Amino acid sequence: MSQDNIPDYTETELWTVRSTLKERYGKEVETQLADTEVMLGSVGDMAWCPAIFWSAKGANFTIVKSGAKRFRAYFYYHPEHQLGTGIDSYDEIGDCVISVLQVEADHLRKQKISADQKPAQSDEDTPDKPDTSPIFWGD
């Protein structure tokens, strides 16, 4: 599948993303448009797809447009550990954005609860490897 078959984001889709982010965070959030290569269909079937990227509260988000009305969502704190919503694709961008924001918020809550339940470690018990857990910025 070539990039020519995947249309760019429409003004309505961009407005939907920006409006949803403004409602979620209470302020304008800068978004960036990009192209990203993703696997579509069978193994090895790669295509360049339009993407929207933004960062908020320590997390990075990407919505990939993989077809005329097909969207995928990802978020991450570190590029080598990307998380998704558990749904392969959405046919409405609004549902996609709301879902990725909710899954990320749920992930933060679980991380905080898990960290709160662990016993405190002394400096002697701390492993030598760096802490790569996400920073909790709160909701």
C-alpha atoms as a PDB file:
ATOM      1  CA  MET A   1       0.000   0.000   0.000  1.00  0.00           C
ATOM      2  CA  SER A   2       1.501   3.359  -0.928  1.00  0.00           C
ATOM      3  CA  GLN A   3       1.183   6.646   0.892  1.00  0.00           C
ATOM      4  CA  ASP A   4      -0.829   8.031  -2.038  1.00  0.00           C
ATOM      5  CA  ASN A   5      -3.742   5.823  -0.960  1.00  0.00           C
ATOM      6  CA  ILE A   6      -3.864   7.329   2.535  1.00  0.00           C
ATOM      7  CA  PRO A   7      -5.269  10.864   2.603  1.00  0.00           C
ATOM      8  CA  ASP A   8      -3.855  13.587   4.840  1.00  0.00           C
ATOM      9  CA  TYR A   9      -5.814  14.683   7.890  1.00  0.00           C
ATOM     10  CA  THR A  10      -8.829  16.817   7.084  1.00  0.00           C
ATOM     11  CA  GLU A  11      -9.407  20.157   8.811  1.00  0.00           C
ATOM     12  CA  THR A  12     -12.346  18.551  10.645  1.00  0.00           C
ATOM     13  CA  GLU A  13     -10.139  15.723  11.959  1.00  0.00           C
ATOM     14  CA  LEU A  14      -7.481  18.206  13.104  1.00  0.00           C
ATOM     15  CA  TRP A  15     -10.136  20.345  14.808  1.00  0.00           C
ATOM     16  CA  THR A  16     -11.514  17.259  16.573  1.00  0.00           C
ATOM     17  CA  VAL A  17      -8.089  16.345  17.960  1.00  0.00           C
ATOM     18  CA  ARG A  18      -7.238  19.893  19.053  1.00  0.00           C
ATOM     19  CA  SER A  19     -10.663  20.452  20.626  1.00  0.00           C
ATOM     20  CA  THR A  20     -10.507  17.166  22.539  1.00  0.00           C
ATOM     21  CA  LEU A  21      -7.031  18.004  23.842  1.00  0.00           C
ATOM     22  CA  LYS A  22      -8.118  21.484  24.907  1.00  0.00           C
ATOM     23  CA  GLU A  23     -11.065  19.983  26.784  1.00  0.00           C
ATOM     24  CA  ARG A  24      -8.849  17.355  28.452  1.00  0.00           C
ATOM     25  CA  TYR A  25      -5.997  19.655  29.510  1.00  0.00           C
ATOM     26  CA  GLY A  26      -7.875  22.956  29.873  1.00  0.00           C
ATOM     27  CA  LYS A  27      -5.576  24.747  27.449  1.00  0.00           C
ATOM     28  CA  GLU A  28      -4.318  24.637  23.868  1.00  0.00           C
ATOM     29  CA  VAL A  29      -1.892  21.773  23.260  1.00  0.00           C
ATOM     30  CA  GLU A  30       0.575  22.084  20.405  1.00  0.00           C
ATOM     31  CA  THR A  31       0.218  19.282  17.866  1.00  0.00           C
ATOM     32  CA  GLN A  32       2.654  18.424  15.110  1.00  0.00           C
ATOM     33  CA  LEU A  33       1.938  16.736  11.803  1.00  0.00           C
ATOM     34  CA  ALA A  34       4.358  14.112  10.562  1.00  0.00           C
ATOM     35  CA  ASP A  35       4.641  11.030   8.401  1.00  0.00           C
ATOM     36  CA  THR A  36       5.523   7.698   9.919  1.00  0.00           C
ATOM     37  CA  GLU A  37       6.183   4.286   8.439  1.00  0.00           C
ATOM     38  CA  VAL A  38       3.906   1.625   9.893  1.00  0.00           C
ATOM     39  CA  MET A  39       3.077  -1.966   9.137  1.00  0.00           C
ATOM     40  CA  LEU A  40      -0.303  -2.388   7.479  1.00  0.00           C
ATOM     41  CA  GLY A  41      -1.815  -5.803   6.889  1.00  0.00           C
ATOM     42  CA  SER A  42       0.541  -8.707   6.460  1.00  0.00           C
ATOM     43  CA  VAL A  43       4.083  -8.946   7.764  1.00  0.00           C
ATOM     44  CA  GLY A  44       6.421  -6.693   5.827  1.00  0.00           C
ATOM     45  CA  ASP A  45       3.638  -4.572   4.268  1.00  0.00           C
ATOM     46  CA  MET A  46       4.951  -1.135   5.271  1.00  0.00           C
ATOM     47  CA  ALA A  47       3.449   2.220   4.312  1.00  0.00           C
ATOM     48  CA  TRP A  48       4.066   5.873   5.066  1.00  0.00           C
ATOM     49  CA  CYS A  49       1.076   7.287   6.915  1.00  0.00           C
ATOM     50  CA  PRO A  50       0.147  10.753   8.170  1.00  0.00           C
ATOM     51  CA  ALA A  51       0.448  11.162  11.934  1.00  0.00           C
ATOM     52  CA  ILE A  52      -0.407  13.702  14.612  1.00  0.00           C
ATOM     53  CA  PHE A  53       1.978  13.983  17.543  1.00  0.00           C
ATOM     54  CA  TRP A  54       1.747  15.845  20.860  1.00  0.00           C
ATOM     55  CA  SER A  55       3.273  15.785  24.325  1.00  0.00           C
ATOM     56  CA  ALA A  56       1.467  16.447  27.585  1.00  0.00           C
ATOM     57  CA  LYS A  57       2.147  15.763  31.262  1.00  0.00           C
ATOM     58  CA  GLY A  58       5.268  13.698  30.617  1.00  0.00           C
ATOM     59  CA  ALA A  59       3.744  11.471  27.916  1.00  0.00           C
ATOM     60  CA  ASN A  60       4.009  11.540  24.126  1.00  0.00           C
ATOM     61  CA  PHE A  61       1.063  10.627  21.917  1.00  0.00           C
ATOM     62  CA  THR A  62       0.714   9.673  18.260  1.00  0.00           C
ATOM     63  CA  ILE A  63      -2.401   9.148  16.171  1.00  0.00           C
ATOM     64  CA  VAL A  64      -1.614   7.448  12.858  1.00  0.00           C
ATOM     65  CA  LYS A  65      -4.036   7.687   9.956  1.00  0.00           C
ATOM     66  CA  SER A  66      -3.846   4.329   8.188  1.00  0.00           C
ATOM     67  CA  GLY A  67      -6.758   4.828   5.788  1.00  0.00           C
ATOM     68  CA  ALA A  68      -9.547   7.231   4.839  1.00  0.00           C
ATOM     69  CA  LYS A  69     -11.365   6.585   8.141  1.00  0.00           C
ATOM     70  CA  ARG A  70      -8.870   4.399  10.012  1.00  0.00           C
ATOM     71  CA  PHE A  71      -6.831   5.607  12.972  1.00  0.00           C
ATOM     72  CA  ARG A  72      -4.374   3.989  15.409  1.00  0.00           C
ATOM     73  CA  ALA A  73      -3.260   5.457  18.726  1.00  0.00           C
ATOM     74  CA  TYR A  74      -0.032   5.084  20.699  1.00  0.00           C
ATOM     75  CA  PHE A  75       1.500   6.742  23.726  1.00  0.00           C
ATOM     76  CA  TYR A  76       4.852   6.438  25.409  1.00  0.00           C
ATOM     77  CA  TYR A  77       7.114   7.876  28.056  1.00  0.00           C
ATOM     78  CA  HIS A  78      10.249   6.383  26.497  1.00  0.00           C
ATOM     79  CA  PRO A  79      10.417   5.676  22.714  1.00  0.00           C
ATOM     80  CA  GLU A  80      11.490   2.070  23.246  1.00  0.00           C
ATOM     81  CA  HIS A  81       8.337   1.263  25.226  1.00  0.00           C
ATOM     82  CA  GLN A  82       5.212   2.234  23.268  1.00  0.00           C
ATOM     83  CA  LEU A  83       1.728   1.431  24.497  1.00  0.00           C
ATOM     84  CA  GLY A  84      -1.555   1.309  22.624  1.00  0.00           C
ATOM     85  CA  THR A  85      -5.219   1.212  23.449  1.00  0.00           C
ATOM     86  CA  GLY A  86      -5.724  -2.490  22.751  1.00  0.00           C
ATOM     87  CA  ILE A  87      -7.845  -1.659  19.699  1.00  0.00           C
ATOM     88  CA  ASP A  88      -6.198  -2.104  16.294  1.00  0.00           C
ATOM     89  CA  SER A  89      -7.986   0.771  14.585  1.00  0.00           C
ATOM     90  CA  TYR A  90     -10.811   3.251  15.002  1.00  0.00           C
ATOM     91  CA  ASP A  91     -13.120   4.584  12.304  1.00  0.00           C
ATOM     92  CA  GLU A  92     -13.708   7.884  14.151  1.00  0.00           C
ATOM     93  CA  ILE A  93     -10.779  10.058  15.166  1.00  0.00           C
ATOM     94  CA  GLY A  94     -12.668  11.445  18.169  1.00  0.00           C
ATOM     95  CA  ASP A  95     -13.105   7.947  19.615  1.00  0.00           C
ATOM     96  CA  CYS A  96      -9.421   7.258  18.961  1.00  0.00           C
ATOM     97  CA  VAL A  97      -8.207  10.385  20.786  1.00  0.00           C
ATOM     98  CA  ILE A  98     -10.545   9.911  23.758  1.00  0.00           C
ATOM     99  CA  SER A  99      -9.528   6.266  24.060  1.00  0.00           C
ATOM    100  CA  VAL A 100      -5.760   6.916  24.046  1.00  0.00           C
ATOM    101  CA  LEU A 101      -6.148   9.715  26.601  1.00  0.00           C
ATOM    102  CA  GLN A 102      -8.199   7.442  28.867  1.00  0.00           C
ATOM    103  CA  VAL A 103      -5.832   4.485  28.550  1.00  0.00           C
ATOM    104  CA  GLU A 104      -2.844   6.726  29.344  1.00  0.00           C
ATOM    105  CA  ALA A 105      -4.619   8.218  32.394  1.00  0.00           C
ATOM    106  CA  ASP A 106      -5.524   4.711  33.597  1.00  0.00           C
ATOM    107  CA  HIS A 107      -1.910   3.616  33.077  1.00  0.00           C
ATOM    108  CA  LEU A 108      -0.659   6.518  35.216  1.00  0.00           C
ATOM    109  CA  ARG A 109      -3.104   5.681  37.994  1.00  0.00           C
ATOM    110  CA  LYS A 110      -2.009   2.028  37.993  1.00  0.00           C
ATOM    111  CA  GLN A 111       1.667   3.062  38.056  1.00  0.00           C
ATOM    112  CA  LYS A 112       1.047   5.392  40.992  1.00  0.00           C
ATOM    113  CA  ILE A 113      -0.943   2.791  42.924  1.00  0.00           C
ATOM    114  CA  SER A 114       1.771   0.200  42.271  1.00  0.00           C
ATOM    115  CA  ALA A 115       4.502   2.602  43.426  1.00  0.00           C
ATOM    116  CA  ASP A 116       2.502   3.553  46.534  1.00  0.00           C
ATOM    117  CA  GLN A 117       2.138  -0.116  47.509  1.00  0.00           C
ATOM    118  CA  LYS A 118       5.849  -0.945  47.252  1.00  0.00           C
ATOM    119  CA  PRO A 119       7.880  -0.745  50.454  1.00  0.00           C
ATOM    120  CA  ALA A 120      10.411   2.078  50.526  1.00  0.00           C
ATOM    121  CA  GLN A 121      13.925   1.013  49.571  1.00  0.00           C
ATOM    122  CA  SER A 122      17.068   2.250  51.250  1.00  0.00           C
ATOM    123  CA  ASP A 123      19.909   3.549  49.102  1.00  0.00           C
ATOM    124  CA  GLU A 124      21.720   0.251  49.658  1.00  0.00           C
ATOM    125  CA  ASP A 125      18.781  -1.717  48.178  1.00  0.00           C
ATOM    126  CA  THR A 126      18.476   0.466  45.056  1.00  0.00           C
ATOM    127  CA  PRO A 127      19.593  -1.336  41.888  1.00  0.00           C
ATOM    128  CA  ASP A 128      22.338   0.244  39.746  1.00  0.00           C
ATOM    129  CA  LYS A 129      20.173   0.559  36.658  1.00  0.00           C
ATOM    130  CA  PRO A 130      18.408   3.887  36.009  1.00  0.00           C
ATOM    131  CA  ASP A 131      14.744   4.395  36.847  1.00  0.00           C
ATOM    132  CA  THR A 132      12.793   4.411  33.573  1.00  0.00           C
ATOM    133  CA  SER A 133       9.338   4.533  35.131  1.00  0.00           C
ATOM    134  CA  PRO A 134       7.090   7.401  34.003  1.00  0.00           C
ATOM    135  CA  ILE A 135       7.005  10.580  36.025  1.00  0.00           C
ATOM    136  CA  PHE A 136       3.608  11.036  37.670  1.00  0.00           C
ATOM    137  CA  TRP A 137       2.372  14.511  36.866  1.00  0.00           C
ATOM    138  CA  GLY A 138      -1.173  13.905  38.121  1.00  0.00           C
ATOM    139  CA  ASP A 139      -4.439  14.632  36.354  1.00  0.00           C
END
